[in-house]
């Protein structure tokens, strides 16, 4: 069981503090729930059933500073994703965002950044769907990096770029 005041990642809500547990009735069933308070997402509460392996599996431990620095160091080595068509792209992007896999988030951000750069060079507007996927991927990754590295989410990208220059 996760301890009160422990910090976890929970799905697309990002970094959350476990405020405790509470017994609540949802959908006519009484159960024990973790009470999560997202750190960067404003003032709301998330209730996660303690006894639901599928739902509680979305809660992951937060990386250490050393793990984040190792990920940053390996970013240039990450291969961009390739898509056969827009339908496959949407499915792959959605799956990556749902999984929260940090390595795949990095690959997704890298891929979409390269696509946007190529479109700008062709004097085309950025693709709205690419922009939406990239913003969500950056939010998921940068919120965790910001929390662990004691930065604001806006400071994460400049920090990463500075680290990569070393």
C-alpha atoms as a PDB file:
ATOM      1  CA  UNK A   1       0.000   0.000   0.000  1.00  0.00           C
ATOM      2  CA  UNK A   2       1.212   3.477  -0.822  1.00  0.00           C
ATOM      3  CA  UNK A   3       1.966   5.703   2.151  1.00  0.00           C
ATOM      4  CA  UNK A   4       0.358   9.038   2.939  1.00  0.00           C
ATOM      5  CA  UNK A   5       2.347  12.028   1.611  1.00  0.00           C
ATOM      6  CA  UNK A   6       4.194   9.809  -0.867  1.00  0.00           C
ATOM      7  CA  UNK A   7       4.649  11.346  -4.305  1.00  0.00           C
ATOM      8  CA  UNK A   8       3.564   9.301  -7.329  1.00  0.00           C
ATOM      9  CA  UNK A   9       2.807   9.736 -11.008  1.00  0.00           C
ATOM     10  CA  UNK A  10      -0.779   8.980 -11.873  1.00  0.00           C
ATOM     11  CA  UNK A  11      -1.820   8.652 -15.489  1.00  0.00           C
ATOM     12  CA  UNK A  12      -2.235  11.947 -17.278  1.00  0.00           C
ATOM     13  CA  UNK A  13      -2.621  13.824 -13.965  1.00  0.00           C
ATOM     14  CA  UNK A  14       1.156  13.831 -13.537  1.00  0.00           C
ATOM     15  CA  UNK A  15       2.880  14.218 -10.189  1.00  0.00           C
ATOM     16  CA  UNK A  16       0.480  13.732  -7.285  1.00  0.00           C
ATOM     17  CA  UNK A  17       0.769  13.720  -3.527  1.00  0.00           C
ATOM     18  CA  UNK A  18      -1.034  10.854  -1.799  1.00  0.00           C
ATOM     19  CA  UNK A  19      -3.159  12.752   0.720  1.00  0.00           C
ATOM     20  CA  UNK A  20      -4.309   9.493   2.336  1.00  0.00           C
ATOM     21  CA  UNK A  21      -7.082   6.982   1.895  1.00  0.00           C
ATOM     22  CA  UNK A  22     -10.814   7.299   2.333  1.00  0.00           C
ATOM     23  CA  UNK A  23     -13.796   4.991   2.106  1.00  0.00           C
ATOM     24  CA  UNK A  24     -16.282   6.336  -0.417  1.00  0.00           C
ATOM     25  CA  UNK A  25     -19.308   5.146  -2.282  1.00  0.00           C
ATOM     26  CA  UNK A  26     -19.138   5.525  -6.062  1.00  0.00           C
ATOM     27  CA  UNK A  27     -21.588   3.841  -8.410  1.00  0.00           C
ATOM     28  CA  UNK A  28     -23.394   2.293  -5.438  1.00  0.00           C
ATOM     29  CA  UNK A  29     -20.298   0.443  -4.212  1.00  0.00           C
ATOM     30  CA  UNK A  30     -18.330   1.302  -1.112  1.00  0.00           C
ATOM     31  CA  UNK A  31     -14.569   0.916  -1.432  1.00  0.00           C
ATOM     32  CA  UNK A  32     -11.261   2.233  -0.171  1.00  0.00           C
ATOM     33  CA  UNK A  33      -9.674   4.918  -2.364  1.00  0.00           C
ATOM     34  CA  UNK A  34      -6.336   6.672  -2.486  1.00  0.00           C
ATOM     35  CA  UNK A  35      -6.832  10.431  -2.398  1.00  0.00           C
ATOM     36  CA  UNK A  36      -4.410  12.070  -4.831  1.00  0.00           C
ATOM     37  CA  UNK A  37      -3.680  15.778  -5.131  1.00  0.00           C
ATOM     38  CA  UNK A  38      -2.014  16.739  -8.432  1.00  0.00           C
ATOM     39  CA  UNK A  39       0.954  19.055  -7.894  1.00  0.00           C
ATOM     40  CA  UNK A  40       0.832  21.089 -11.111  1.00  0.00           C
ATOM     41  CA  UNK A  41      -2.790  20.664 -12.191  1.00  0.00           C
ATOM     42  CA  UNK A  42      -4.659  23.044  -9.924  1.00  0.00           C
ATOM     43  CA  UNK A  43      -6.937  22.430  -6.969  1.00  0.00           C
ATOM     44  CA  UNK A  44      -8.778  19.180  -7.525  1.00  0.00           C
ATOM     45  CA  UNK A  45      -8.664  15.702  -6.057  1.00  0.00           C
ATOM     46  CA  UNK A  46      -8.396  12.318  -7.761  1.00  0.00           C
ATOM     47  CA  UNK A  47      -9.810   9.177  -6.150  1.00  0.00           C
ATOM     48  CA  UNK A  48      -8.119   5.902  -7.123  1.00  0.00           C
ATOM     49  CA  UNK A  49      -9.561   2.580  -5.934  1.00  0.00           C
ATOM     50  CA  UNK A  50      -6.994   0.752  -3.808  1.00  0.00           C
ATOM     51  CA  UNK A  51      -8.282  -2.701  -4.825  1.00  0.00           C
ATOM     52  CA  UNK A  52      -8.328  -2.140  -8.595  1.00  0.00           C
ATOM     53  CA  UNK A  53      -5.081  -3.457 -10.110  1.00  0.00           C
ATOM     54  CA  UNK A  54      -5.904  -1.953 -13.529  1.00  0.00           C
ATOM     55  CA  UNK A  55      -6.436   1.532 -12.126  1.00  0.00           C
ATOM     56  CA  UNK A  56      -3.754   1.516  -9.446  1.00  0.00           C
ATOM     57  CA  UNK A  57      -1.258   0.245 -12.064  1.00  0.00           C
ATOM     58  CA  UNK A  58      -1.427   3.752 -13.514  1.00  0.00           C
ATOM     59  CA  UNK A  59       0.345   4.966 -10.362  1.00  0.00           C
ATOM     60  CA  UNK A  60       4.094   4.870 -10.854  1.00  0.00           C
ATOM     61  CA  UNK A  61       7.045   5.873  -8.769  1.00  0.00           C
ATOM     62  CA  UNK A  62       8.746   9.143  -9.561  1.00  0.00           C
ATOM     63  CA  UNK A  63      12.191   9.035 -11.130  1.00  0.00           C
ATOM     64  CA  UNK A  64      15.252  10.081  -9.185  1.00  0.00           C
ATOM     65  CA  UNK A  65      17.397  13.017 -10.209  1.00  0.00           C
ATOM     66  CA  UNK A  66      20.094  10.594 -11.399  1.00  0.00           C
ATOM     67  CA  UNK A  67      17.574   8.692 -13.542  1.00  0.00           C
ATOM     68  CA  UNK A  68      16.352  11.929 -15.110  1.00  0.00           C
ATOM     69  CA  UNK A  69      19.894  13.079 -15.882  1.00  0.00           C
ATOM     70  CA  UNK A  70      20.611   9.691 -17.479  1.00  0.00           C
ATOM     71  CA  UNK A  71      17.474  10.055 -19.628  1.00  0.00           C
ATOM     72  CA  UNK A  72      18.537  13.545 -20.671  1.00  0.00           C
ATOM     73  CA  UNK A  73      22.022  12.282 -21.538  1.00  0.00           C
ATOM     74  CA  UNK A  74      20.514   9.566 -23.782  1.00  0.00           C
ATOM     75  CA  UNK A  75      17.989  11.831 -25.538  1.00  0.00           C
ATOM     76  CA  UNK A  76      20.128  12.399 -28.650  1.00  0.00           C
ATOM     77  CA  UNK A  77      20.363   8.608 -29.131  1.00  0.00           C
ATOM     78  CA  UNK A  78      16.578   8.107 -29.137  1.00  0.00           C
ATOM     79  CA  UNK A  79      15.223   7.256 -32.561  1.00  0.00           C
ATOM     80  CA  UNK A  80      12.181   9.174 -33.784  1.00  0.00           C
ATOM     81  CA  UNK A  81       8.957   7.250 -34.356  1.00  0.00           C
ATOM     82  CA  UNK A  82       7.740   6.449 -37.853  1.00  0.00           C
ATOM     83  CA  UNK A  83       4.110   6.337 -38.934  1.00  0.00           C
ATOM     84  CA  UNK A  84       2.603   4.707 -42.007  1.00  0.00           C
ATOM     85  CA  UNK A  85      -0.459   6.938 -42.044  1.00  0.00           C
ATOM     86  CA  UNK A  86      -2.382   9.501 -39.946  1.00  0.00           C
ATOM     87  CA  UNK A  87      -4.646   6.838 -38.420  1.00  0.00           C
ATOM     88  CA  UNK A  88      -1.658   4.852 -37.189  1.00  0.00           C
ATOM     89  CA  UNK A  89      -0.020   8.054 -35.921  1.00  0.00           C
ATOM     90  CA  UNK A  90      -3.074   8.961 -33.855  1.00  0.00           C
ATOM     91  CA  UNK A  91      -3.286   5.447 -32.376  1.00  0.00           C
ATOM     92  CA  UNK A  92       0.428   5.322 -31.529  1.00  0.00           C
ATOM     93  CA  UNK A  93       0.447   8.812 -30.002  1.00  0.00           C
ATOM     94  CA  UNK A  94      -2.660   8.074 -27.941  1.00  0.00           C
ATOM     95  CA  UNK A  95      -1.156   4.810 -26.669  1.00  0.00           C
ATOM     96  CA  UNK A  96       2.110   6.493 -25.677  1.00  0.00           C
ATOM     97  CA  UNK A  97       0.269   9.246 -23.816  1.00  0.00           C
ATOM     98  CA  UNK A  98      -1.874   6.681 -21.990  1.00  0.00           C
ATOM     99  CA  UNK A  99       1.116   4.545 -21.036  1.00  0.00           C
ATOM    100  CA  UNK A 100       3.195   7.428 -19.711  1.00  0.00           C
ATOM    101  CA  UNK A 101       6.356   5.538 -20.732  1.00  0.00           C
ATOM    102  CA  UNK A 102       8.998   8.226 -20.374  1.00  0.00           C
ATOM    103  CA  UNK A 103      11.315   6.888 -23.071  1.00  0.00           C
ATOM    104  CA  UNK A 104       8.424   6.718 -25.536  1.00  0.00           C
ATOM    105  CA  UNK A 105       7.312  10.227 -24.525  1.00  0.00           C
ATOM    106  CA  UNK A 106      10.815  11.460 -25.389  1.00  0.00           C
ATOM    107  CA  UNK A 107      10.667   9.699 -28.766  1.00  0.00           C
ATOM    108  CA  UNK A 108       7.215  11.172 -29.414  1.00  0.00           C
ATOM    109  CA  UNK A 109       8.316  14.716 -28.527  1.00  0.00           C
ATOM    110  CA  UNK A 110      11.403  14.345 -30.721  1.00  0.00           C
ATOM    111  CA  UNK A 111       9.338  13.028 -33.641  1.00  0.00           C
ATOM    112  CA  UNK A 112       6.698  15.730 -33.449  1.00  0.00           C
ATOM    113  CA  UNK A 113       9.294  18.473 -33.029  1.00  0.00           C
ATOM    114  CA  UNK A 114      11.056  17.271 -36.199  1.00  0.00           C
ATOM    115  CA  UNK A 115       7.743  17.141 -38.087  1.00  0.00           C
ATOM    116  CA  UNK A 116       6.874  20.690 -37.006  1.00  0.00           C
ATOM    117  CA  UNK A 117      10.318  21.934 -37.999  1.00  0.00           C
ATOM    118  CA  UNK A 118       9.974  20.312 -41.439  1.00  0.00           C
ATOM    119  CA  UNK A 119       6.542  21.908 -41.930  1.00  0.00           C
ATOM    120  CA  UNK A 120       7.919  25.357 -41.002  1.00  0.00           C
ATOM    121  CA  UNK A 121      10.763  24.918 -43.495  1.00  0.00           C
ATOM    122  CA  UNK A 122       8.138  24.149 -46.163  1.00  0.00           C
ATOM    123  CA  UNK A 123       6.249  27.313 -45.109  1.00  0.00           C
ATOM    124  CA  UNK A 124       3.320  25.216 -43.867  1.00  0.00           C
ATOM    125  CA  UNK A 125       1.354  25.701 -40.688  1.00  0.00           C
ATOM    126  CA  UNK A 126       1.934  23.207 -37.884  1.00  0.00           C
ATOM    127  CA  UNK A 127      -0.493  20.307 -37.774  1.00  0.00           C
ATOM    128  CA  UNK A 128      -3.035  20.898 -34.979  1.00  0.00           C
ATOM    129  CA  UNK A 129      -3.078  17.229 -33.976  1.00  0.00           C
ATOM    130  CA  UNK A 130       0.732  17.097 -33.785  1.00  0.00           C
ATOM    131  CA  UNK A 131       0.729  20.226 -31.640  1.00  0.00           C
ATOM    132  CA  UNK A 132      -1.881  18.792 -29.269  1.00  0.00           C
ATOM    133  CA  UNK A 133      -0.008  15.491 -28.888  1.00  0.00           C
ATOM    134  CA  UNK A 134       3.315  17.256 -28.366  1.00  0.00           C
ATOM    135  CA  UNK A 135       1.949  19.595 -25.684  1.00  0.00           C
ATOM    136  CA  UNK A 136       0.469  16.678 -23.742  1.00  0.00           C
ATOM    137  CA  UNK A 137       3.658  14.599 -24.039  1.00  0.00           C
ATOM    138  CA  UNK A 138       5.753  17.558 -22.878  1.00  0.00           C
ATOM    139  CA  UNK A 139       3.401  18.222 -19.978  1.00  0.00           C
ATOM    140  CA  UNK A 140       3.597  14.630 -18.766  1.00  0.00           C
ATOM    141  CA  UNK A 141       7.383  14.456 -19.008  1.00  0.00           C
ATOM    142  CA  UNK A 142       8.241  18.004 -17.950  1.00  0.00           C
ATOM    143  CA  UNK A 143       5.993  17.972 -14.866  1.00  0.00           C
ATOM    144  CA  UNK A 144       7.914  15.037 -13.433  1.00  0.00           C
ATOM    145  CA  UNK A 145      11.283  16.507 -14.391  1.00  0.00           C
ATOM    146  CA  UNK A 146      10.260  19.860 -12.875  1.00  0.00           C
ATOM    147  CA  UNK A 147       9.165  18.303  -9.610  1.00  0.00           C
ATOM    148  CA  UNK A 148      12.285  16.175  -9.156  1.00  0.00           C
ATOM    149  CA  UNK A 149      14.752  18.843 -10.315  1.00  0.00           C
ATOM    150  CA  UNK A 150      13.001  21.603  -8.347  1.00  0.00           C
ATOM    151  CA  UNK A 151      12.196  23.658 -11.453  1.00  0.00           C
ATOM    152  CA  UNK A 152       9.033  25.145 -12.847  1.00  0.00           C
ATOM    153  CA  UNK A 153       7.623  23.209 -15.822  1.00  0.00           C
ATOM    154  CA  UNK A 154       8.569  26.159 -18.068  1.00  0.00           C
ATOM    155  CA  UNK A 155      12.220  25.848 -17.018  1.00  0.00           C
ATOM    156  CA  UNK A 156      12.538  22.182 -17.996  1.00  0.00           C
ATOM    157  CA  UNK A 157      13.170  22.534 -21.738  1.00  0.00           C
ATOM    158  CA  UNK A 158      15.885  25.209 -21.304  1.00  0.00           C
ATOM    159  CA  UNK A 159      17.416  23.006 -18.587  1.00  0.00           C
ATOM    160  CA  UNK A 160      17.429  19.957 -20.900  1.00  0.00           C
ATOM    161  CA  UNK A 161      18.988  21.961 -23.747  1.00  0.00           C
ATOM    162  CA  UNK A 162      21.673  23.312 -21.413  1.00  0.00           C
ATOM    163  CA  UNK A 163      22.457  19.792 -20.146  1.00  0.00           C
ATOM    164  CA  UNK A 164      22.718  18.478 -23.707  1.00  0.00           C
ATOM    165  CA  UNK A 165      25.271  21.174 -24.584  1.00  0.00           C
ATOM    166  CA  UNK A 166      27.658  19.878 -21.924  1.00  0.00           C
END
